[in-house]
Amino acid sequence: MDVNTTEEQQVEEIKKWFKENGKAVILGAVLGLGGLYGWRYYQAETISAQEQASDAYNKVISALTAGDGQQAAEDFIKQNEGQAYAALAALQLAKSQVEKGELTAAADQLRVVQSSGDDALKAVATSRLARVEAELGNFDEALAELDKVTADSWKANVAELRGDILVKKGNLAGARDAYAASIAAADNTLVQMKLDNLTQ
């Protein structure tokens, strides 16, 4: 607009501009406010769902700790399949089953955790599954499970567990090598004691 135009001409220019662009401005404002409301609603629903899952998880774990929550845990895991809480509940259920001597059922739960998307939980489940397989006498399967744990932070633990499994299998030379690898990855007096006991 020209600075020298009269007030009436400025009003006419504004009316003309609004007539040409008014619908777009209103539509943009409606879409913007609608998007903002939708995003806030989505966030509120997501937080609410997470809080409900957290509460349900805590109830399941309390029931498992009390010794009577196995069915509730299994139902929770099925209902929340693919979620982190389901994997955590499966780990707790497997622990409870191991304590009761239900090793095959525990192995099944640990396999559920292995299919989760969380690499840290997978490593925990895989190492525990190796222990369970070893307790079942499936030494080759246990060792194969350990091969799946490749993270550097797990090297010492995996090597120690490999040594324990090889001792049970009767392969003392392999166990010595595994314990030595564990000590090389992280100095551990307990593993050193295991290695020293093998040489006696």
N, C-alpha and C. Protein backbone atom coordinates (compact mmCIF):
# COMPACT_ATOMS: atom_id res chain seq x y z
N MET A 1 0.84 -1.19 0.00
CA MET A 1 0.00 0.00 0.00
C MET A 1 0.88 1.24 0.00
N ASP A 2 0.45 2.21 -0.70
CA ASP A 2 1.18 3.47 -0.80
C ASP A 2 0.95 4.26 0.48
N VAL A 3 2.00 4.88 0.98
CA VAL A 3 1.92 5.66 2.22
C VAL A 3 0.99 6.86 2.05
N ASN A 4 0.87 7.37 0.88
CA ASN A 4 0.10 8.58 0.64
C ASN A 4 -1.38 8.34 0.40
N THR A 5 -1.84 7.09 0.45
CA THR A 5 -3.26 6.82 0.21
C THR A 5 -4.07 7.27 1.41
N THR A 6 -5.32 7.54 1.14
CA THR A 6 -6.19 7.99 2.22
C THR A 6 -6.64 6.82 3.07
N GLU A 7 -7.21 7.15 4.18
CA GLU A 7 -7.68 6.11 5.10
C GLU A 7 -8.75 5.25 4.43
N GLU A 8 -9.60 5.86 3.63
CA GLU A 8 -10.65 5.13 2.93
C GLU A 8 -10.06 4.15 1.94
N GLN A 9 -9.01 4.54 1.23
CA GLN A 9 -8.36 3.66 0.27
C GLN A 9 -7.68 2.49 0.99
N GLN A 10 -7.12 2.76 2.16
CA GLN A 10 -6.48 1.68 2.93
C GLN A 10 -7.52 0.65 3.37
N VAL A 11 -8.67 1.14 3.82
CA VAL A 11 -9.75 0.23 4.23
C VAL A 11 -10.20 -0.60 3.04
N GLU A 12 -10.32 0.02 1.88
CA GLU A 12 -10.73 -0.71 0.67
C GLU A 12 -9.70 -1.77 0.28
N GLU A 13 -8.42 -1.44 0.44
CA GLU A 13 -7.35 -2.41 0.13
C GLU A 13 -7.42 -3.60 1.09
N ILE A 14 -7.67 -3.31 2.36
CA ILE A 14 -7.76 -4.39 3.35
C ILE A 14 -8.95 -5.28 3.04
N LYS A 15 -10.11 -4.69 2.69
CA LYS A 15 -11.30 -5.47 2.35
C LYS A 15 -11.03 -6.33 1.13
N LYS A 16 -10.38 -5.73 0.13
CA LYS A 16 -10.07 -6.47 -1.10
C LYS A 16 -9.13 -7.64 -0.80
N TRP A 17 -8.09 -7.38 0.04
CA TRP A 17 -7.14 -8.45 0.39
C TRP A 17 -7.84 -9.57 1.16
N PHE A 18 -8.72 -9.17 2.10
CA PHE A 18 -9.43 -10.16 2.90
C PHE A 18 -10.39 -10.97 2.04
N LYS A 19 -11.01 -10.30 1.05
CA LYS A 19 -11.93 -11.01 0.15
C LYS A 19 -11.17 -12.05 -0.67
N GLU A 20 -9.96 -11.73 -1.09
CA GLU A 20 -9.15 -12.65 -1.89
C GLU A 20 -8.50 -13.75 -1.04
N ASN A 21 -8.09 -13.42 0.19
CA ASN A 21 -7.31 -14.36 1.00
C ASN A 21 -8.00 -14.80 2.29
N GLY A 22 -9.16 -14.30 2.58
CA GLY A 22 -9.82 -14.57 3.85
C GLY A 22 -10.09 -16.05 4.10
N LYS A 23 -10.58 -16.75 3.07
CA LYS A 23 -10.90 -18.17 3.24
C LYS A 23 -9.64 -18.97 3.56
N ALA A 24 -8.54 -18.65 2.89
CA ALA A 24 -7.28 -19.37 3.14
C ALA A 24 -6.78 -19.11 4.55
N VAL A 25 -6.90 -17.87 5.01
CA VAL A 25 -6.44 -17.53 6.36
C VAL A 25 -7.27 -18.28 7.41
N ILE A 26 -8.58 -18.27 7.23
CA ILE A 26 -9.47 -18.95 8.17
C ILE A 26 -9.22 -20.45 8.15
N LEU A 27 -9.08 -21.02 6.95
CA LEU A 27 -8.82 -22.45 6.81
C LEU A 27 -7.49 -22.82 7.46
N GLY A 28 -6.47 -21.99 7.24
CA GLY A 28 -5.16 -22.24 7.86
C GLY A 28 -5.24 -22.19 9.38
N ALA A 29 -5.99 -21.24 9.91
CA ALA A 29 -6.14 -21.13 11.37
C ALA A 29 -6.87 -22.34 11.93
N VAL A 30 -7.94 -22.76 11.23
CA VAL A 30 -8.70 -23.94 11.69
C VAL A 30 -7.83 -25.19 11.66
N LEU A 31 -7.08 -25.37 10.56
CA LEU A 31 -6.21 -26.54 10.46
C LEU A 31 -5.10 -26.51 11.52
N GLY A 32 -4.53 -25.34 11.73
CA GLY A 32 -3.48 -25.21 12.74
C GLY A 32 -3.99 -25.53 14.14
N LEU A 33 -5.13 -24.95 14.50
CA LEU A 33 -5.70 -25.21 15.83
C LEU A 33 -6.14 -26.66 15.96
N GLY A 34 -6.71 -27.21 14.87
CA GLY A 34 -7.12 -28.62 14.89
C GLY A 34 -5.93 -29.54 15.06
N GLY A 35 -4.84 -29.24 14.35
CA GLY A 35 -3.63 -30.05 14.48
C GLY A 35 -3.05 -29.98 15.88
N LEU A 36 -3.04 -28.79 16.45
CA LEU A 36 -2.52 -28.61 17.81
C LEU A 36 -3.37 -29.38 18.82
N TYR A 37 -4.68 -29.28 18.68
CA TYR A 37 -5.58 -30.01 19.58
C TYR A 37 -5.39 -31.52 19.40
N GLY A 38 -5.29 -31.96 18.16
CA GLY A 38 -5.09 -33.39 17.88
C GLY A 38 -3.79 -33.91 18.47
N TRP A 39 -2.73 -33.14 18.35
CA TRP A 39 -1.43 -33.55 18.90
C TRP A 39 -1.49 -33.65 20.42
N ARG A 40 -2.11 -32.66 21.05
CA ARG A 40 -2.23 -32.69 22.51
C ARG A 40 -3.09 -33.87 22.96
N TYR A 41 -4.15 -34.14 22.23
CA TYR A 41 -5.01 -35.29 22.56
C TYR A 41 -4.23 -36.59 22.42
N TYR A 42 -3.46 -36.72 21.35
CA TYR A 42 -2.64 -37.92 21.13
C TYR A 42 -1.64 -38.11 22.27
N GLN A 43 -0.96 -37.03 22.65
CA GLN A 43 0.01 -37.12 23.74
C GLN A 43 -0.67 -37.53 25.05
N ALA A 44 -1.82 -36.95 25.33
CA ALA A 44 -2.53 -37.28 26.57
C ALA A 44 -2.95 -38.75 26.57
N GLU A 45 -3.43 -39.23 25.43
CA GLU A 45 -3.84 -40.64 25.33
C GLU A 45 -2.64 -41.57 25.47
N THR A 46 -1.51 -41.20 24.87
CA THR A 46 -0.30 -42.02 24.96
C THR A 46 0.18 -42.10 26.40
N ILE A 47 0.21 -40.98 27.09
CA ILE A 47 0.64 -40.96 28.49
C ILE A 47 -0.32 -41.78 29.34
N SER A 48 -1.61 -41.65 29.09
CA SER A 48 -2.61 -42.41 29.84
C SER A 48 -2.42 -43.91 29.63
N ALA A 49 -2.20 -44.31 28.38
CA ALA A 49 -1.99 -45.74 28.08
C ALA A 49 -0.73 -46.26 28.76
N GLN A 50 0.33 -45.45 28.77
CA GLN A 50 1.57 -45.87 29.42
C GLN A 50 1.37 -46.00 30.93
N GLU A 51 0.62 -45.09 31.52
CA GLU A 51 0.37 -45.17 32.96
C GLU A 51 -0.46 -46.40 33.30
N GLN A 52 -1.45 -46.71 32.45
CA GLN A 52 -2.27 -47.90 32.69
C GLN A 52 -1.43 -49.17 32.56
N ALA A 53 -0.55 -49.21 31.55
CA ALA A 53 0.32 -50.38 31.38
C ALA A 53 1.26 -50.51 32.57
N SER A 54 1.78 -49.40 33.04
CA SER A 54 2.67 -49.42 34.20
C SER A 54 1.96 -49.95 35.44
N ASP A 55 0.75 -49.48 35.67
CA ASP A 55 -0.03 -49.95 36.83
C ASP A 55 -0.32 -51.44 36.71
N ALA A 56 -0.73 -51.87 35.52
CA ALA A 56 -1.02 -53.29 35.32
C ALA A 56 0.23 -54.14 35.51
N TYR A 57 1.36 -53.66 35.01
CA TYR A 57 2.63 -54.37 35.18
C TYR A 57 2.97 -54.52 36.67
N ASN A 58 2.85 -53.43 37.42
CA ASN A 58 3.15 -53.47 38.85
C ASN A 58 2.26 -54.46 39.59
N LYS A 59 0.99 -54.53 39.20
CA LYS A 59 0.07 -55.48 39.84
C LYS A 59 0.48 -56.92 39.51
N VAL A 60 0.86 -57.15 38.27
CA VAL A 60 1.28 -58.49 37.86
C VAL A 60 2.54 -58.92 38.61
N ILE A 61 3.50 -58.02 38.71
CA ILE A 61 4.75 -58.34 39.41
C ILE A 61 4.48 -58.59 40.89
N SER A 62 3.60 -57.81 41.50
CA SER A 62 3.25 -58.03 42.90
C SER A 62 2.61 -59.40 43.09
N ALA A 63 1.73 -59.77 42.16
CA ALA A 63 1.09 -61.09 42.24
C ALA A 63 2.11 -62.20 42.05
N LEU A 64 3.05 -62.02 41.14
CA LEU A 64 4.10 -63.03 40.94
C LEU A 64 4.96 -63.17 42.18
N THR A 65 5.28 -62.05 42.79
CA THR A 65 6.10 -62.07 44.00
C THR A 65 5.37 -62.80 45.13
N ALA A 66 4.06 -62.62 45.17
CA ALA A 66 3.25 -63.30 46.19
C ALA A 66 3.09 -64.79 45.89
N GLY A 67 3.42 -65.19 44.66
CA GLY A 67 3.39 -66.59 44.30
C GLY A 67 2.12 -67.07 43.62
N ASP A 68 1.21 -66.16 43.30
CA ASP A 68 -0.05 -66.61 42.68
C ASP A 68 -0.43 -65.82 41.43
N GLY A 69 0.57 -65.30 40.72
CA GLY A 69 0.25 -64.44 39.59
C GLY A 69 0.65 -64.98 38.23
N GLN A 70 0.89 -66.29 38.13
CA GLN A 70 1.37 -66.82 36.85
C GLN A 70 0.37 -66.59 35.73
N GLN A 71 -0.92 -66.90 35.96
CA GLN A 71 -1.92 -66.72 34.91
C GLN A 71 -2.09 -65.25 34.57
N ALA A 72 -2.08 -64.40 35.58
CA ALA A 72 -2.20 -62.95 35.34
C ALA A 72 -1.02 -62.46 34.51
N ALA A 73 0.17 -62.97 34.79
CA ALA A 73 1.35 -62.56 34.03
C ALA A 73 1.25 -63.02 32.58
N GLU A 74 0.81 -64.26 32.39
CA GLU A 74 0.67 -64.77 31.02
C GLU A 74 -0.35 -63.95 30.24
N ASP A 75 -1.46 -63.60 30.88
CA ASP A 75 -2.48 -62.77 30.22
C ASP A 75 -1.93 -61.39 29.88
N PHE A 76 -1.20 -60.80 30.82
CA PHE A 76 -0.62 -59.47 30.61
C PHE A 76 0.35 -59.50 29.43
N ILE A 77 1.17 -60.53 29.35
CA ILE A 77 2.15 -60.65 28.26
C ILE A 77 1.44 -60.74 26.91
N LYS A 78 0.37 -61.53 26.85
CA LYS A 78 -0.39 -61.66 25.59
C LYS A 78 -1.05 -60.34 25.20
N GLN A 79 -1.62 -59.66 26.19
CA GLN A 79 -2.34 -58.40 25.91
C GLN A 79 -1.40 -57.27 25.49
N ASN A 80 -0.15 -57.32 25.93
CA ASN A 80 0.80 -56.24 25.65
C ASN A 80 1.94 -56.71 24.76
N GLU A 81 1.67 -57.69 23.93
CA GLU A 81 2.70 -58.26 23.07
C GLU A 81 3.43 -57.18 22.27
N GLY A 82 4.75 -57.28 22.26
CA GLY A 82 5.56 -56.32 21.52
C GLY A 82 5.94 -55.09 22.32
N GLN A 83 5.39 -54.94 23.52
CA GLN A 83 5.69 -53.78 24.36
C GLN A 83 6.79 -54.13 25.35
N ALA A 84 7.49 -53.12 25.82
CA ALA A 84 8.58 -53.34 26.78
C ALA A 84 8.07 -53.95 28.07
N TYR A 85 6.88 -53.53 28.53
CA TYR A 85 6.34 -54.09 29.76
C TYR A 85 6.07 -55.59 29.63
N ALA A 86 5.66 -56.03 28.45
CA ALA A 86 5.42 -57.46 28.24
C ALA A 86 6.73 -58.23 28.35
N ALA A 87 7.79 -57.68 27.78
CA ALA A 87 9.10 -58.34 27.87
C ALA A 87 9.59 -58.39 29.31
N LEU A 88 9.42 -57.31 30.05
CA LEU A 88 9.83 -57.29 31.45
C LEU A 88 9.02 -58.29 32.27
N ALA A 89 7.72 -58.36 32.00
CA ALA A 89 6.87 -59.33 32.71
C ALA A 89 7.28 -60.76 32.37
N ALA A 90 7.64 -60.99 31.11
CA ALA A 90 8.08 -62.33 30.71
C ALA A 90 9.37 -62.71 31.43
N LEU A 91 10.28 -61.76 31.60
CA LEU A 91 11.50 -62.03 32.36
C LEU A 91 11.18 -62.41 33.81
N GLN A 92 10.26 -61.67 34.41
CA GLN A 92 9.89 -61.96 35.80
C GLN A 92 9.16 -63.30 35.91
N LEU A 93 8.30 -63.59 34.93
CA LEU A 93 7.59 -64.87 34.94
C LEU A 93 8.58 -66.02 34.78
N ALA A 94 9.56 -65.85 33.89
CA ALA A 94 10.58 -66.89 33.70
C ALA A 94 11.36 -67.12 34.99
N LYS A 95 11.69 -66.04 35.69
CA LYS A 95 12.41 -66.16 36.96
C LYS A 95 11.58 -66.96 37.96
N SER A 96 10.30 -66.64 38.03
CA SER A 96 9.40 -67.34 38.94
C SER A 96 9.31 -68.82 38.57
N GLN A 97 9.25 -69.10 37.28
CA GLN A 97 9.15 -70.49 36.83
C GLN A 97 10.43 -71.26 37.12
N VAL A 98 11.58 -70.62 36.97
CA VAL A 98 12.85 -71.28 37.29
C VAL A 98 12.87 -71.63 38.78
N GLU A 99 12.42 -70.71 39.61
CA GLU A 99 12.41 -70.96 41.05
C GLU A 99 11.50 -72.14 41.42
N LYS A 100 10.45 -72.35 40.61
CA LYS A 100 9.53 -73.47 40.85
C LYS A 100 10.01 -74.75 40.15
N GLY A 101 11.10 -74.66 39.39
CA GLY A 101 11.60 -75.83 38.68
C GLY A 101 10.92 -76.08 37.34
N GLU A 102 10.14 -75.12 36.85
CA GLU A 102 9.44 -75.24 35.57
C GLU A 102 10.34 -74.68 34.46
N LEU A 103 11.42 -75.41 34.17
CA LEU A 103 12.45 -74.89 33.28
C LEU A 103 11.99 -74.77 31.83
N THR A 104 11.22 -75.71 31.35
CA THR A 104 10.75 -75.64 29.96
C THR A 104 9.84 -74.43 29.76
N ALA A 105 8.94 -74.19 30.71
CA ALA A 105 8.06 -73.02 30.63
C ALA A 105 8.87 -71.73 30.71
N ALA A 106 9.90 -71.73 31.56
CA ALA A 106 10.76 -70.55 31.67
C ALA A 106 11.47 -70.28 30.35
N ALA A 107 11.94 -71.35 29.71
CA ALA A 107 12.62 -71.19 28.41
C ALA A 107 11.67 -70.56 27.39
N ASP A 108 10.41 -70.97 27.41
CA ASP A 108 9.42 -70.39 26.48
C ASP A 108 9.26 -68.89 26.72
N GLN A 109 9.20 -68.48 27.98
CA GLN A 109 9.05 -67.06 28.29
C GLN A 109 10.28 -66.27 27.86
N LEU A 110 11.45 -66.85 28.03
CA LEU A 110 12.68 -66.16 27.64
C LEU A 110 12.75 -66.00 26.12
N ARG A 111 12.21 -66.95 25.40
CA ARG A 111 12.15 -66.82 23.93
C ARG A 111 11.22 -65.68 23.51
N VAL A 112 10.17 -65.45 24.30
CA VAL A 112 9.27 -64.32 24.03
C VAL A 112 10.06 -63.02 24.13
N VAL A 113 10.89 -62.92 25.16
CA VAL A 113 11.69 -61.69 25.35
C VAL A 113 12.70 -61.53 24.22
N GLN A 114 13.25 -62.64 23.73
CA GLN A 114 14.22 -62.56 22.63
C GLN A 114 13.60 -61.95 21.38
N SER A 115 12.30 -62.06 21.23
CA SER A 115 11.64 -61.50 20.04
C SER A 115 11.28 -60.03 20.23
N SER A 116 11.60 -59.47 21.38
CA SER A 116 11.30 -58.04 21.62
C SER A 116 12.29 -57.18 20.85
N GLY A 117 11.99 -55.92 20.74
CA GLY A 117 12.85 -55.00 19.99
C GLY A 117 13.97 -54.38 20.80
N ASP A 118 14.05 -54.69 22.07
CA ASP A 118 15.04 -54.06 22.95
C ASP A 118 16.28 -54.94 23.03
N ASP A 119 17.42 -54.45 22.52
CA ASP A 119 18.65 -55.24 22.48
C ASP A 119 19.15 -55.60 23.87
N ALA A 120 19.01 -54.69 24.83
CA ALA A 120 19.47 -54.98 26.19
C ALA A 120 18.66 -56.11 26.80
N LEU A 121 17.33 -56.07 26.63
CA LEU A 121 16.49 -57.14 27.16
C LEU A 121 16.76 -58.46 26.44
N LYS A 122 17.04 -58.39 25.14
CA LYS A 122 17.36 -59.61 24.39
C LYS A 122 18.61 -60.27 24.96
N ALA A 123 19.62 -59.48 25.27
CA ALA A 123 20.87 -60.03 25.79
C ALA A 123 20.64 -60.68 27.15
N VAL A 124 19.85 -60.04 28.00
CA VAL A 124 19.53 -60.61 29.31
C VAL A 124 18.79 -61.94 29.13
N ALA A 125 17.76 -61.92 28.28
CA ALA A 125 16.96 -63.12 28.06
C ALA A 125 17.79 -64.25 27.46
N THR A 126 18.68 -63.91 26.53
CA THR A 126 19.49 -64.94 25.87
C THR A 126 20.47 -65.57 26.85
N SER A 127 21.09 -64.78 27.70
CA SER A 127 22.02 -65.36 28.68
C SER A 127 21.26 -66.22 29.69
N ARG A 128 20.08 -65.78 30.08
CA ARG A 128 19.28 -66.59 31.01
C ARG A 128 18.79 -67.87 30.33
N LEU A 129 18.43 -67.77 29.07
CA LEU A 129 18.00 -68.96 28.33
C LEU A 129 19.14 -69.97 28.24
N ALA A 130 20.36 -69.48 28.05
CA ALA A 130 21.51 -70.38 28.01
C ALA A 130 21.65 -71.13 29.33
N ARG A 131 21.44 -70.43 30.44
CA ARG A 131 21.50 -71.09 31.76
C ARG A 131 20.42 -72.17 31.89
N VAL A 132 19.21 -71.81 31.44
CA VAL A 132 18.09 -72.76 31.54
C VAL A 132 18.37 -73.99 30.67
N GLU A 133 18.83 -73.76 29.45
CA GLU A 133 19.15 -74.89 28.56
C GLU A 133 20.22 -75.78 29.18
N ALA A 134 21.21 -75.17 29.82
CA ALA A 134 22.26 -75.95 30.48
C ALA A 134 21.69 -76.78 31.62
N GLU A 135 20.76 -76.18 32.39
CA GLU A 135 20.13 -76.92 33.48
C GLU A 135 19.30 -78.09 32.95
N LEU A 136 18.74 -77.91 31.75
CA LEU A 136 17.97 -79.00 31.12
C LEU A 136 18.89 -80.05 30.51
N GLY A 137 20.19 -79.80 30.50
CA GLY A 137 21.14 -80.74 29.92
C GLY A 137 21.36 -80.53 28.43
N ASN A 138 20.82 -79.46 27.90
CA ASN A 138 20.97 -79.14 26.47
C ASN A 138 22.19 -78.23 26.29
N PHE A 139 23.36 -78.79 26.48
CA PHE A 139 24.58 -77.97 26.51
C PHE A 139 24.89 -77.31 25.17
N ASP A 140 24.71 -78.04 24.08
CA ASP A 140 24.99 -77.45 22.76
C ASP A 140 24.04 -76.30 22.46
N GLU A 141 22.75 -76.46 22.84
CA GLU A 141 21.78 -75.37 22.63
C GLU A 141 22.15 -74.17 23.50
N ALA A 142 22.61 -74.44 24.71
CA ALA A 142 23.01 -73.36 25.62
C ALA A 142 24.18 -72.58 25.04
N LEU A 143 25.16 -73.30 24.53
CA LEU A 143 26.33 -72.63 23.93
C LEU A 143 25.93 -71.85 22.68
N ALA A 144 24.99 -72.41 21.91
CA ALA A 144 24.52 -71.71 20.71
C ALA A 144 23.80 -70.41 21.09
N GLU A 145 23.06 -70.43 22.19
CA GLU A 145 22.40 -69.21 22.65
C GLU A 145 23.43 -68.15 23.01
N LEU A 146 24.51 -68.56 23.66
CA LEU A 146 25.55 -67.60 24.05
C LEU A 146 26.19 -66.93 22.83
N ASP A 147 26.26 -67.65 21.73
CA ASP A 147 26.85 -67.08 20.51
C ASP A 147 26.04 -65.89 19.99
N LYS A 148 24.77 -65.80 20.40
CA LYS A 148 23.90 -64.71 19.94
C LYS A 148 24.17 -63.40 20.68
N VAL A 149 24.83 -63.47 21.83
CA VAL A 149 25.10 -62.26 22.62
C VAL A 149 26.46 -61.73 22.18
N THR A 150 26.44 -60.64 21.41
CA THR A 150 27.67 -60.14 20.79
C THR A 150 28.12 -58.78 21.31
N ALA A 151 27.35 -58.15 22.17
CA ALA A 151 27.71 -56.82 22.66
C ALA A 151 28.99 -56.89 23.49
N ASP A 152 29.87 -55.92 23.31
CA ASP A 152 31.14 -55.88 24.04
C ASP A 152 30.94 -55.87 25.55
N SER A 153 29.90 -55.20 26.01
CA SER A 153 29.65 -55.11 27.45
C SER A 153 29.30 -56.45 28.07
N TRP A 154 28.97 -57.42 27.25
CA TRP A 154 28.59 -58.74 27.75
C TRP A 154 29.72 -59.77 27.64
N LYS A 155 30.87 -59.39 27.08
CA LYS A 155 31.94 -60.36 26.81
C LYS A 155 32.35 -61.15 28.04
N ALA A 156 32.62 -60.47 29.14
CA ALA A 156 33.09 -61.15 30.36
C ALA A 156 32.02 -62.10 30.89
N ASN A 157 30.78 -61.63 30.95
CA ASN A 157 29.69 -62.47 31.47
C ASN A 157 29.45 -63.69 30.60
N VAL A 158 29.46 -63.48 29.29
CA VAL A 158 29.22 -64.59 28.36
C VAL A 158 30.34 -65.62 28.46
N ALA A 159 31.58 -65.15 28.54
CA ALA A 159 32.71 -66.07 28.64
C ALA A 159 32.64 -66.87 29.94
N GLU A 160 32.27 -66.21 31.04
CA GLU A 160 32.14 -66.92 32.31
C GLU A 160 31.04 -67.98 32.23
N LEU A 161 29.91 -67.60 31.69
CA LEU A 161 28.80 -68.54 31.56
C LEU A 161 29.17 -69.69 30.64
N ARG A 162 29.88 -69.38 29.56
CA ARG A 162 30.36 -70.42 28.66
C ARG A 162 31.24 -71.42 29.43
N GLY A 163 32.13 -70.89 30.27
CA GLY A 163 32.97 -71.75 31.09
C GLY A 163 32.15 -72.64 32.02
N ASP A 164 31.13 -72.05 32.66
CA ASP A 164 30.27 -72.83 33.56
C ASP A 164 29.57 -73.97 32.81
N ILE A 165 29.07 -73.67 31.62
CA ILE A 165 28.37 -74.68 30.82
C ILE A 165 29.34 -75.77 30.38
N LEU A 166 30.55 -75.36 29.97
CA LEU A 166 31.54 -76.35 29.53
C LEU A 166 31.98 -77.25 30.68
N VAL A 167 32.04 -76.71 31.91
CA VAL A 167 32.35 -77.54 33.07
C VAL A 167 31.27 -78.60 33.24
N LYS A 168 30.00 -78.19 33.16
CA LYS A 168 28.89 -79.15 33.28
C LYS A 168 28.95 -80.19 32.17
N LYS A 169 29.37 -79.76 31.00
CA LYS A 169 29.45 -80.67 29.85
C LYS A 169 30.65 -81.61 29.98
N GLY A 170 31.61 -81.26 30.82
CA GLY A 170 32.80 -82.09 31.00
C GLY A 170 33.98 -81.67 30.15
N ASN A 171 33.88 -80.52 29.50
CA ASN A 171 34.96 -80.01 28.65
C ASN A 171 35.79 -79.02 29.48
N LEU A 172 36.72 -79.56 30.28
CA LEU A 172 37.48 -78.70 31.20
C LEU A 172 38.48 -77.81 30.48
N ALA A 173 39.06 -78.30 29.38
CA ALA A 173 40.00 -77.48 28.62
C ALA A 173 39.28 -76.27 28.02
N GLY A 174 38.09 -76.49 27.47
CA GLY A 174 37.29 -75.40 26.92
C GLY A 174 36.86 -74.43 28.01
N ALA A 175 36.54 -74.98 29.20
CA ALA A 175 36.14 -74.13 30.32
C ALA A 175 37.29 -73.23 30.75
N ARG A 176 38.52 -73.79 30.79
CA ARG A 176 39.69 -72.97 31.15
C ARG A 176 39.84 -71.79 30.19
N ASP A 177 39.73 -72.09 28.90
CA ASP A 177 39.85 -71.04 27.89
C ASP A 177 38.77 -69.97 28.07
N ALA A 178 37.56 -70.42 28.35
CA ALA A 178 36.45 -69.48 28.52
C ALA A 178 36.65 -68.61 29.75
N TYR A 179 37.08 -69.22 30.85
CA TYR A 179 37.33 -68.44 32.07
C TYR A 179 38.47 -67.45 31.85
N ALA A 180 39.51 -67.88 31.15
CA ALA A 180 40.63 -66.97 30.86
C ALA A 180 40.15 -65.80 30.00
N ALA A 181 39.27 -66.08 29.04
CA ALA A 181 38.72 -65.00 28.19
C ALA A 181 37.88 -64.04 29.03
N SER A 182 37.15 -64.59 30.00
CA SER A 182 36.34 -63.74 30.86
C SER A 182 37.23 -62.82 31.70
N ILE A 183 38.30 -63.37 32.24
CA ILE A 183 39.22 -62.56 33.05
C ILE A 183 39.92 -61.51 32.20
N ALA A 184 40.24 -61.87 30.95
CA ALA A 184 40.87 -60.90 30.05
C ALA A 184 39.92 -59.74 29.73
N ALA A 185 38.61 -60.03 29.65
CA ALA A 185 37.63 -58.99 29.33
C ALA A 185 37.35 -58.11 30.54
N ALA A 186 37.36 -58.70 31.73
CA ALA A 186 37.10 -57.93 32.96
C ALA A 186 37.63 -58.74 34.13
N ASP A 187 38.58 -58.17 34.85
CA ASP A 187 39.18 -58.88 35.97
C ASP A 187 38.12 -59.17 37.03
N ASN A 188 37.99 -60.46 37.37
CA ASN A 188 36.95 -60.88 38.29
C ASN A 188 37.52 -61.99 39.18
N THR A 189 37.55 -61.75 40.48
CA THR A 189 38.16 -62.74 41.39
C THR A 189 37.36 -64.03 41.45
N LEU A 190 36.03 -63.95 41.30
CA LEU A 190 35.21 -65.16 41.31
C LEU A 190 35.57 -66.05 40.12
N VAL A 191 35.71 -65.46 38.96
CA VAL A 191 36.08 -66.23 37.77
C VAL A 191 37.50 -66.78 37.95
N GLN A 192 38.38 -66.00 38.54
CA GLN A 192 39.74 -66.48 38.80
C GLN A 192 39.70 -67.70 39.71
N MET A 193 38.82 -67.68 40.72
CA MET A 193 38.68 -68.83 41.61
C MET A 193 38.16 -70.05 40.84
N LYS A 194 37.22 -69.83 39.94
CA LYS A 194 36.70 -70.95 39.13
C LYS A 194 37.83 -71.55 38.29
N LEU A 195 38.64 -70.67 37.70
CA LEU A 195 39.76 -71.13 36.87
C LEU A 195 40.78 -71.88 37.73
N ASP A 196 41.09 -71.34 38.90
CA ASP A 196 42.05 -72.00 39.78
C ASP A 196 41.54 -73.37 40.22
N ASN A 197 40.26 -73.49 40.47
CA ASN A 197 39.68 -74.78 40.90
C ASN A 197 39.77 -75.85 39.80
N LEU A 198 39.77 -75.41 38.54
CA LEU A 198 39.87 -76.37 37.44
C LEU A 198 41.25 -76.99 37.38
N THR A 199 42.27 -76.29 37.77
CA THR A 199 43.62 -76.81 37.64
C THR A 199 43.98 -77.78 38.76
N GLN A 200 43.17 -77.84 39.81
CA GLN A 200 43.48 -78.72 40.94
C GLN A 200 43.04 -80.14 40.66
